[in-house]
C-alpha atoms as a PDB file:
ATOM      1  CA  MET A   1       0.107   0.227  -0.078  1.00  0.00           C
ATOM      2  CA  THR A   2       1.351   3.234  -0.899  1.00  0.00           C
ATOM      3  CA  ASP A   3       1.392   6.553   1.131  1.00  0.00           C
ATOM      4  CA  THR A   4      -1.369   7.871  -0.901  1.00  0.00           C
ATOM      5  CA  GLU A   5      -3.666   4.951  -0.763  1.00  0.00           C
ATOM      6  CA  GLN A   6      -6.036   5.106   2.517  1.00  0.00           C
ATOM      7  CA  ALA A   7      -6.994   2.490   4.563  1.00  0.00           C
ATOM      8  CA  PRO A   8     -10.461   1.123   3.984  1.00  0.00           C
ATOM      9  CA  PRO A   9     -12.736   2.360   6.767  1.00  0.00           C
ATOM     10  CA  ALA A  10     -13.158  -0.025   9.717  1.00  0.00           C
ATOM     11  CA  ALA A  11     -16.552  -1.649   9.497  1.00  0.00           C
ATOM     12  CA  PRO A  12     -18.648  -0.169  12.001  1.00  0.00           C
ATOM     13  CA  VAL A  13     -19.818  -2.033  15.661  1.00  0.00           C
ATOM     14  CA  ILE A  14     -23.277  -3.123  15.837  1.00  0.00           C
ATOM     15  CA  PRO A  15     -24.602  -4.171  19.359  1.00  0.00           C
ATOM     16  CA  THR A  16     -26.260  -7.566  20.080  1.00  0.00           C
ATOM     17  CA  LYS A  17     -29.578  -7.101  21.038  1.00  0.00           C
ATOM     18  CA  ALA A  18     -28.849  -7.580  24.368  1.00  0.00           C
ATOM     19  CA  GLU A  19     -25.840  -4.761  24.470  1.00  0.00           C
ATOM     20  CA  GLN A  20     -28.739  -2.444  22.908  1.00  0.00           C
ATOM     21  CA  LEU A  21     -30.994  -2.962  25.511  1.00  0.00           C
ATOM     22  CA  ALA A  22     -28.408  -2.608  28.070  1.00  0.00           C
ATOM     23  CA  MET A  23     -27.890   0.121  27.239  1.00  0.00           C
ATOM     24  CA  ASP A  24     -31.390   1.387  26.877  1.00  0.00           C
ATOM     25  CA  CYS A  25     -31.899   0.924  30.314  1.00  0.00           C
ATOM     26  CA  ALA A  26     -28.644   2.393  31.190  1.00  0.00           C
ATOM     27  CA  SER A  27     -30.439   5.704  29.395  1.00  0.00           C
ATOM     28  CA  ALA A  28     -33.750   5.460  31.120  1.00  0.00           C
ATOM     29  CA  LEU A  29     -32.144   4.516  34.733  1.00  0.00           C
ATOM     30  CA  GLY A  30     -29.078   6.777  34.840  1.00  0.00           C
ATOM     31  CA  ALA A  31     -27.633   7.334  38.477  1.00  0.00           C
ATOM     32  CA  LEU A  32     -30.488   4.687  40.249  1.00  0.00           C
ATOM     33  CA  LEU A  33     -28.070   2.260  38.672  1.00  0.00           C
ATOM     34  CA  THR A  34     -24.953   0.657  41.132  1.00  0.00           C
ATOM     35  CA  SER A  35     -23.185  -0.649  38.469  1.00  0.00           C
ATOM     36  CA  PRO A  36     -22.902  -1.118  34.927  1.00  0.00           C
ATOM     37  CA  PRO A  37     -25.630  -3.133  33.622  1.00  0.00           C
ATOM     38  CA  LYS A  38     -24.112  -6.507  32.851  1.00  0.00           C
ATOM     39  CA  VAL A  39     -24.970  -8.646  29.685  1.00  0.00           C
ATOM     40  CA  SER A  40     -24.094 -12.503  30.289  1.00  0.00           C
ATOM     41  CA  TYR A  41     -25.539 -15.819  28.106  1.00  0.00           C
ATOM     42  CA  GLY A  42     -27.893 -12.674  26.236  1.00  0.00           C
ATOM     43  CA  GLU A  43     -29.636 -11.702  29.055  1.00  0.00           C
ATOM     44  CA  VAL A  44     -29.052  -7.879  30.846  1.00  0.00           C
ATOM     45  CA  THR A  45     -28.920  -7.990  34.443  1.00  0.00           C
ATOM     46  CA  LEU A  46     -28.999  -4.246  36.696  1.00  0.00           C
ATOM     47  CA  SER A  47     -28.287  -3.653  40.315  1.00  0.00           C
ATOM     48  CA  VAL A  48     -29.698  -0.919  42.116  1.00  0.00           C
ATOM     49  CA  GLY A  49     -30.123  -0.186  46.284  1.00  0.00           C
ATOM     50  CA  VAL A  50     -33.775  -1.475  47.845  1.00  0.00           C
ATOM     51  CA  ASP A  51     -34.578   1.662  48.260  1.00  0.00           C
ATOM     52  CA  ASP A  52     -34.538   2.245  44.488  1.00  0.00           C
ATOM     53  CA  VAL A  53     -36.668  -1.198  43.502  1.00  0.00           C
ATOM     54  CA  VAL A  54     -40.129   0.493  42.821  1.00  0.00           C
ATOM     55  CA  THR A  55     -38.844   3.445  41.256  1.00  0.00           C
ATOM     56  CA  THR A  56     -36.971   1.550  38.878  1.00  0.00           C
ATOM     57  CA  LEU A  57     -39.655  -0.957  38.425  1.00  0.00           C
ATOM     58  CA  LYS A  58     -42.000   2.015  37.085  1.00  0.00           C
ATOM     59  CA  ILE A  59     -39.338   2.939  34.930  1.00  0.00           C
ATOM     60  CA  LEU A  60     -38.847  -0.036  33.336  1.00  0.00           C
ATOM     61  CA  ARG A  61     -42.594  -0.243  32.484  1.00  0.00           C
ATOM     62  CA  ASP A  62     -43.894   2.924  31.605  1.00  0.00           C
ATOM     63  CA  GLY A  63     -40.213   4.007  30.205  1.00  0.00           C
ATOM     64  CA  SER A  64     -40.349   5.174  26.665  1.00  0.00           C
ATOM     65  CA  GLY A  65     -39.445   1.522  24.518  1.00  0.00           C
ATOM     66  CA  LEU A  66     -38.743  -0.752  28.015  1.00  0.00           C
ATOM     67  CA  ASN A  67     -42.571  -1.174  27.922  1.00  0.00           C
ATOM     68  CA  PHE A  68     -41.559  -4.031  30.780  1.00  0.00           C
ATOM     69  CA  VAL A  69     -45.115  -4.746  31.658  1.00  0.00           C
ATOM     70  CA  GLN A  70     -45.081  -8.104  33.320  1.00  0.00           C
ATOM     71  CA  LEU A  71     -43.651  -9.759  36.241  1.00  0.00           C
ATOM     72  CA  VAL A  72     -42.665 -13.102  35.402  1.00  0.00           C
ATOM     73  CA  ASP A  73     -40.683 -14.133  38.793  1.00  0.00           C
ATOM     74  CA  LEU A  74     -39.615 -12.573  42.213  1.00  0.00           C
ATOM     75  CA  THR A  75     -37.699 -14.420  44.216  1.00  0.00           C
ATOM     76  CA  ALA A  76     -34.340 -14.058  45.750  1.00  0.00           C
ATOM     77  CA  VAL A  77     -30.273 -15.596  46.842  1.00  0.00           C
ATOM     78  CA  ASP A  78     -28.878 -16.255  50.040  1.00  0.00           C
ATOM     79  CA  TYR A  79     -24.872 -15.218  50.014  1.00  0.00           C
ATOM     80  CA  PRO A  80     -23.913 -16.580  53.705  1.00  0.00           C
ATOM     81  CA  GLU A  81     -20.363 -15.229  53.305  1.00  0.00           C
ATOM     82  CA  ARG A  82     -21.270 -11.758  52.418  1.00  0.00           C
ATOM     83  CA  LEU A  83     -21.760  -9.106  54.714  1.00  0.00           C
ATOM     84  CA  VAL A  84     -25.149  -8.083  52.495  1.00  0.00           C
ATOM     85  CA  ARG A  85     -26.828 -11.426  53.060  1.00  0.00           C
ATOM     86  CA  PHE A  86     -29.667 -11.474  50.312  1.00  0.00           C
ATOM     87  CA  GLU A  87     -30.368 -10.088  46.463  1.00  0.00           C
ATOM     88  CA  VAL A  88     -33.458  -9.851  45.860  1.00  0.00           C
ATOM     89  CA  VAL A  89     -34.718 -11.005  41.859  1.00  0.00           C
ATOM     90  CA  TYR A  90     -37.239  -9.318  39.778  1.00  0.00           C
ATOM     91  CA  HIS A  91     -37.460 -10.792  36.480  1.00  0.00           C
ATOM     92  CA  LEU A  92     -39.166  -8.641  33.763  1.00  0.00           C
ATOM     93  CA  LEU A  93     -40.702  -9.527  30.793  1.00  0.00           C
ATOM     94  CA  SER A  94     -40.910  -7.113  27.385  1.00  0.00           C
ATOM     95  CA  LEU A  95     -43.948  -7.902  24.976  1.00  0.00           C
ATOM     96  CA  SER A  96     -42.817  -5.631  22.323  1.00  0.00           C
ATOM     97  CA  ARG A  97     -39.459  -6.230  22.795  1.00  0.00           C
ATOM     98  CA  ASN A  98     -39.659 -10.057  22.976  1.00  0.00           C
ATOM     99  CA  ALA A  99     -36.600  -9.400  26.034  1.00  0.00           C
ATOM    100  CA  ARG A 100     -36.082  -9.761  29.514  1.00  0.00           C
ATOM    101  CA  VAL A 101     -34.149  -8.474  32.052  1.00  0.00           C
ATOM    102  CA  ARG A 102     -32.909  -9.399  35.766  1.00  0.00           C
ATOM    103  CA  VAL A 103     -33.201  -6.761  38.324  1.00  0.00           C
ATOM    104  CA  CYS A 104     -31.572  -7.524  41.565  1.00  0.00           C
ATOM    105  CA  ALA A 105     -31.266  -5.451  44.942  1.00  0.00           C
ATOM    106  CA  PRO A 106     -29.191  -6.157  48.176  1.00  0.00           C
ATOM    107  CA  VAL A 107     -31.074  -6.750  51.318  1.00  0.00           C
ATOM    108  CA  ALA A 108     -29.258  -6.959  54.661  1.00  0.00           C
ATOM    109  CA  GLU A 109     -30.233 -10.080  57.248  1.00  0.00           C
ATOM    110  CA  ASP A 110     -32.354  -7.967  59.603  1.00  0.00           C
ATOM    111  CA  GLY A 111     -33.243  -5.805  56.319  1.00  0.00           C
ATOM    112  CA  VAL A 112     -36.167  -5.174  54.840  1.00  0.00           C
ATOM    113  CA  ALA A 113     -37.538  -4.440  51.047  1.00  0.00           C
ATOM    114  CA  PRO A 114     -40.876  -2.283  49.679  1.00  0.00           C
ATOM    115  CA  SER A 115     -43.439  -3.927  48.140  1.00  0.00           C
ATOM    116  CA  ALA A 116     -43.898  -3.605  44.281  1.00  0.00           C
ATOM    117  CA  ILE A 117     -46.902  -4.597  44.166  1.00  0.00           C
ATOM    118  CA  ASP A 118     -47.894  -0.713  43.721  1.00  0.00           C
ATOM    119  CA  ALA A 119     -45.642  -1.435  40.032  1.00  0.00           C
ATOM    120  CA  TYR A 120     -46.639  -5.172  39.416  1.00  0.00           C
ATOM    121  CA  PRO A 121     -49.718  -6.559  41.528  1.00  0.00           C
ATOM    122  CA  ALA A 122     -48.451  -9.482  40.317  1.00  0.00           C
ATOM    123  CA  ALA A 123     -45.491  -9.882  43.119  1.00  0.00           C
ATOM    124  CA  ASN A 124     -48.103 -10.265  45.350  1.00  0.00           C
ATOM    125  CA  TRP A 125     -48.227 -13.850  46.466  1.00  0.00           C
ATOM    126  CA  PHE A 126     -44.516 -14.047  45.265  1.00  0.00           C
ATOM    127  CA  GLU A 127     -43.231 -11.788  47.731  1.00  0.00           C
ATOM    128  CA  ARG A 128     -45.152 -13.884  50.182  1.00  0.00           C
ATOM    129  CA  GLU A 129     -43.178 -17.215  49.126  1.00  0.00           C
ATOM    130  CA  VAL A 130     -39.869 -14.779  49.766  1.00  0.00           C
ATOM    131  CA  PHE A 131     -40.862 -13.922  52.978  1.00  0.00           C
ATOM    132  CA  ASP A 132     -41.688 -17.626  54.017  1.00  0.00           C
ATOM    133  CA  MET A 133     -38.552 -19.146  52.155  1.00  0.00           C
ATOM    134  CA  PHE A 134     -35.762 -16.719  52.624  1.00  0.00           C
ATOM    135  CA  GLY A 135     -37.321 -14.725  56.047  1.00  0.00           C
ATOM    136  CA  ILE A 136     -37.081 -11.298  54.085  1.00  0.00           C
ATOM    137  CA  PRO A 137     -39.979  -9.092  54.772  1.00  0.00           C
ATOM    138  CA  PHE A 138     -41.861  -6.492  52.585  1.00  0.00           C
ATOM    139  CA  THR A 139     -43.278  -3.281  53.803  1.00  0.00           C
ATOM    140  CA  ASP A 140     -46.681  -2.191  52.799  1.00  0.00           C
ATOM    141  CA  HIS A 141     -47.488  -5.398  51.987  1.00  0.00           C
ATOM    142  CA  PRO A 142     -51.375  -5.953  52.263  1.00  0.00           C
ATOM    143  CA  ASP A 143     -50.921  -9.808  53.757  1.00  0.00           C
ATOM    144  CA  LEU A 144     -47.314 -10.738  54.765  1.00  0.00           C
ATOM    145  CA  ARG A 145     -47.768 -14.143  55.606  1.00  0.00           C
ATOM    146  CA  ARG A 146     -46.161 -17.664  55.381  1.00  0.00           C
ATOM    147  CA  ILE A 147     -47.795 -19.466  51.851  1.00  0.00           C
ATOM    148  CA  LEU A 148     -46.064 -22.476  50.973  1.00  0.00           C
ATOM    149  CA  THR A 149     -44.675 -23.472  55.027  1.00  0.00           C
ATOM    150  CA  ASP A 150     -47.192 -24.723  57.265  1.00  0.00           C
ATOM    151  CA  TYR A 151     -48.699 -22.589  60.487  1.00  0.00           C
ATOM    152  CA  GLY A 152     -45.874 -22.043  62.933  1.00  0.00           C
ATOM    153  CA  PHE A 153     -43.173 -23.209  61.025  1.00  0.00           C
ATOM    154  CA  GLU A 154     -39.756 -22.558  62.407  1.00  0.00           C
ATOM    155  CA  GLY A 155     -37.284 -20.969  60.030  1.00  0.00           C
ATOM    156  CA  HIS A 156     -37.419 -20.280  56.694  1.00  0.00           C
ATOM    157  CA  PRO A 157     -36.234 -23.217  54.282  1.00  0.00           C
ATOM    158  CA  LEU A 158     -34.335 -21.883  51.145  1.00  0.00           C
ATOM    159  CA  ARG A 159     -31.839 -20.012  53.523  1.00  0.00           C
ATOM    160  CA  LYS A 160     -28.377 -21.727  53.205  1.00  0.00           C
ATOM    161  CA  ASP A 161     -28.231 -22.417  57.322  1.00  0.00           C
ATOM    162  CA  PHE A 162     -31.596 -24.141  57.340  1.00  0.00           C
ATOM    163  CA  PRO A 163     -30.628 -27.572  58.794  1.00  0.00           C
ATOM    164  CA  MET A 164     -31.384 -30.592  55.906  1.00  0.00           C
ATOM    165  CA  THR A 165     -33.716 -32.210  57.748  1.00  0.00           C
ATOM    166  CA  GLY A 166     -35.869 -29.484  59.399  1.00  0.00           C
ATOM    167  CA  HIS A 167     -36.342 -29.073  63.044  1.00  0.00           C
ATOM    168  CA  VAL A 168     -39.976 -31.045  62.974  1.00  0.00           C
ATOM    169  CA  GLU A 169     -41.221 -34.059  61.522  1.00  0.00           C
ATOM    170  CA  VAL A 170     -45.169 -34.464  60.615  1.00  0.00           C
ATOM    171  CA  ARG A 171     -46.956 -37.311  61.077  1.00  0.00           C
ATOM    172  CA  TYR A 172     -50.608 -38.971  61.486  1.00  0.00           C
ATOM    173  CA  ASP A 173     -51.424 -40.621  64.711  1.00  0.00           C
ATOM    174  CA  MET A 174     -53.915 -42.871  65.069  1.00  0.00           C
ATOM    175  CA  GLU A 175     -55.029 -42.404  68.907  1.00  0.00           C
ATOM    176  CA  LEU A 176     -54.882 -39.309  68.679  1.00  0.00           C
ATOM    177  CA  ARG A 177     -56.452 -38.924  65.228  1.00  0.00           C
ATOM    178  CA  ARG A 178     -55.154 -35.757  64.174  1.00  0.00           C
ATOM    179  CA  VAL A 179     -51.667 -34.762  62.759  1.00  0.00           C
ATOM    180  CA  VAL A 180     -49.700 -33.928  64.911  1.00  0.00           C
ATOM    181  CA  TYR A 181     -45.596 -32.030  65.152  1.00  0.00           C
ATOM    182  CA  GLU A 182     -42.844 -34.065  66.226  1.00  0.00           C
ATOM    183  CA  PRO A 183     -38.911 -33.079  66.699  1.00  0.00           C
ATOM    184  CA  VAL A 184     -36.819 -34.598  64.135  1.00  0.00           C
ATOM    185  CA  LYS A 185     -35.867 -38.233  64.866  1.00  0.00           C
ATOM    186  CA  LEU A 186     -33.191 -40.007  63.083  1.00  0.00           C
ATOM    187  CA  THR A 187     -32.334 -43.480  63.282  1.00  0.00           C
ATOM    188  CA  GLN A 188     -28.759 -43.948  63.350  1.00  0.00           C
ATOM    189  CA  ASP A 189     -28.170 -47.303  63.828  1.00  0.00           C
ATOM    190  CA  PHE A 190     -28.199 -48.136  60.055  1.00  0.00           C
ATOM    191  CA  ARG A 191     -27.015 -44.710  58.928  1.00  0.00           C
ATOM    192  CA  SER A 192     -22.625 -46.943  58.356  1.00  0.00           C
ATOM    193  CA  PHE A 193     -21.784 -46.344  54.931  1.00  0.00           C
ATOM    194  CA  ASP A 194     -18.544 -47.426  53.544  1.00  0.00           C
ATOM    195  CA  PHE A 195     -18.731 -45.945  49.765  1.00  0.00           C
ATOM    196  CA  MET A 196     -17.227 -48.867  48.520  1.00  0.00           C
ATOM    197  CA  SER A 197     -17.460 -50.383  45.233  1.00  0.00           C
ATOM    198  CA  PRO A 198     -20.164 -53.499  45.285  1.00  0.00           C
ATOM    199  CA  TRP A 199     -17.707 -55.207  42.501  1.00  0.00           C
ATOM    200  CA  GLU A 200     -14.768 -55.139  44.767  1.00  0.00           C
ATOM    201  CA  GLY A 201     -16.385 -56.868  48.375  1.00  0.00           C
ATOM    202  CA  ALA A 202     -16.675 -55.967  51.483  1.00  0.00           C
ATOM    203  CA  PRO A 203     -13.257 -56.194  53.782  1.00  0.00           C
ATOM    204  CA  TYR A 204     -15.524 -57.708  56.601  1.00  0.00           C
ATOM    205  CA  ILE A 205     -18.199 -60.236  56.733  1.00  0.00           C
ATOM    206  CA  LEU A 206     -21.679 -59.336  55.698  1.00  0.00           C
ATOM    207  CA  PRO A 207     -24.482 -60.965  57.824  1.00  0.00           C
ATOM    208  CA  GLY A 208     -25.034 -64.489  55.963  1.00  0.00           C
ATOM    209  CA  ASP A 209     -21.993 -64.864  54.726  1.00  0.00           C
ATOM    210  CA  GLU A 210     -21.108 -67.502  57.702  1.00  0.00           C
ATOM    211  CA  LYS A 211     -23.274 -70.051  55.653  1.00  0.00           C
ATOM    212  CA  ALA A 212     -21.226 -69.609  52.826  1.00  0.00           C
ATOM    213  CA  PRO A 213     -18.998 -72.754  51.956  1.00  0.00           C
ATOM    214  CA  ALA A 214     -15.399 -71.996  52.519  1.00  0.00           C
ATOM    215  CA  PRO A 215     -13.217 -71.141  49.137  1.00  0.00           C
ATOM    216  CA  LYS A 216     -11.607 -74.042  48.000  1.00  0.00           C
ATOM    217  CA  ALA A 217      -7.205 -73.695  48.673  1.00  0.00           C
END
């Protein structure tokens, strides 16, 4: 190539659908975002402060060109090793854009989250599930009660420090003719495992082996 020849112009970089959505959300939310939007596996994740959740949801619902009119799911994640233990997660769907976005907000173990019912009425039962499973209360919720576990249930099953066996067991008592709750009792006599391959055989005599004929020399 001579000095008089010019290099061809570089091809313009065209953002992907998810990248364009991330830019549109960042433009609409501005300072509400606590970190830049993340794009991973074609999905957009937005991080906001817990006090700004409802404002964020309303902007995503009513913002020009966004139209995230449907709350698909509301859940939480438990990170016991973090200083702010929980993260409430909202999954939104825009039918006009055929796109989804995830909104995450950190909540402390003794903290609360604002109810999103004003923005999405479908959040009612979702928030009751999060309260039941994780113990995260939602302010201004009209009926914040357990929804999946029984009356008087102890603890929150999806917390990572919840015991795998639970605290109580339920059975029907034929004498009392009603359901009774009792502390969990696990019989340990037959819970000894050697984790050996069944093809190798155990190095000790199993019950009944003494009846087998002795191997020939």
